[in-house]
Protein backbone atom coordinates (compact mmCIF):
# COMPACT_ATOMS: atom_id res chain seq x y z
CA MET A 1 31.52 -18.90 23.37
CA ALA A 2 30.90 -20.45 19.96
CA ASP A 3 29.61 -18.31 17.12
CA ASN A 4 26.56 -19.74 15.45
CA ILE A 5 26.49 -18.90 11.76
CA LEU A 6 23.49 -19.64 9.63
CA SER A 7 23.94 -19.93 5.92
CA ALA A 8 21.52 -20.90 3.23
CA LYS A 9 21.70 -21.44 -0.49
CA ILE A 10 18.69 -20.31 -2.48
CA VAL A 11 18.02 -22.04 -5.75
CA VAL A 12 15.33 -20.54 -7.93
CA THR A 13 14.15 -22.32 -11.03
CA ALA A 14 11.28 -20.03 -11.99
CA PRO A 15 11.58 -18.49 -15.44
CA GLY A 16 12.71 -14.87 -15.28
CA ALA A 17 13.67 -15.07 -11.59
CA LYS A 18 17.34 -14.26 -12.22
CA GLU A 19 16.41 -11.16 -14.21
CA ALA A 20 13.96 -10.11 -11.49
CA PHE A 21 16.62 -10.45 -8.79
CA ASN A 22 19.08 -8.49 -10.93
CA GLY A 23 16.44 -5.79 -11.33
CA VAL A 24 15.97 -5.61 -7.57
CA ALA A 25 19.74 -5.35 -7.06
CA THR A 26 19.91 -2.51 -9.59
CA SER A 27 17.02 -0.69 -7.88
CA VAL A 28 18.67 -1.02 -4.48
CA LYS A 29 21.93 0.38 -5.87
CA LYS A 30 20.08 3.36 -7.40
CA ALA A 31 18.26 4.02 -4.11
CA ASP A 32 21.56 3.89 -2.21
CA ASP A 33 23.13 6.40 -4.63
CA ALA A 34 20.11 8.72 -4.31
CA LEU A 35 20.26 8.64 -0.51
CA LYS A 36 23.97 9.50 -0.59
CA ARG A 37 23.11 12.65 -2.58
CA VAL A 38 20.49 13.68 0.02
CA SER A 39 22.89 13.53 2.97
CA PRO A 40 24.90 16.77 2.37
CA GLY A 41 21.75 18.86 1.95
CA ALA A 42 20.14 17.31 5.01
CA ASN A 43 23.24 18.04 7.08
CA GLN A 44 23.27 21.67 5.97
CA ALA A 45 19.55 22.05 6.72
CA THR A 46 20.09 20.59 10.20
CA GLN A 47 22.89 23.05 10.91
CA SER A 48 20.81 25.99 9.66
CA LEU A 49 17.81 25.03 11.78
CA THR A 50 20.03 24.61 14.83
CA ASN A 51 21.47 28.10 14.33
CA LEU A 52 17.99 29.54 13.82
CA GLY A 53 16.87 27.84 17.04
CA ARG A 54 19.73 29.52 18.89
CA ILE A 55 18.62 32.90 17.61
CA VAL A 56 15.03 32.25 18.71
CA GLN A 57 16.22 31.16 22.17
CA ASP A 58 18.18 34.40 22.59
CA ALA A 59 15.37 36.63 21.26
CA PRO A 60 14.10 37.61 24.73
CA PHE A 61 17.49 39.24 25.39
CA GLY A 62 17.14 41.59 22.43
CA PHE A 63 19.51 42.28 19.57
CA ILE A 64 22.58 42.18 21.80
CA GLY A 65 21.62 38.69 22.94
CA ILE A 66 21.12 37.31 19.46
CA SER A 67 23.90 39.15 17.63
CA ASN A 68 26.47 36.46 18.46
CA ASN A 69 24.31 33.87 16.68
CA LEU A 70 23.75 35.82 13.46
CA ASN A 71 27.11 35.08 11.85
CA PRO A 72 26.85 31.25 12.05
CA LEU A 73 23.35 31.43 10.53
CA LEU A 74 24.46 33.64 7.63
CA VAL A 75 27.60 31.59 6.90
CA CYS A 76 25.65 28.35 6.29
């Protein structure tokens, strides 16, 4: 099966267009860097909420039922 590849060359002659595109590229790079900094905190929050959910699920069984889930919650 043949691969169909589409390519296009964009030529912009408007004054200031190159600077505007460079500004967009810079903004995208900054947004990418900011999202990379959010990821570790989001992962830790997900793990903490999962552990808390396990404790809530075991609550009907009393302290003995939830005691095995306390350590993972406190270690996070």
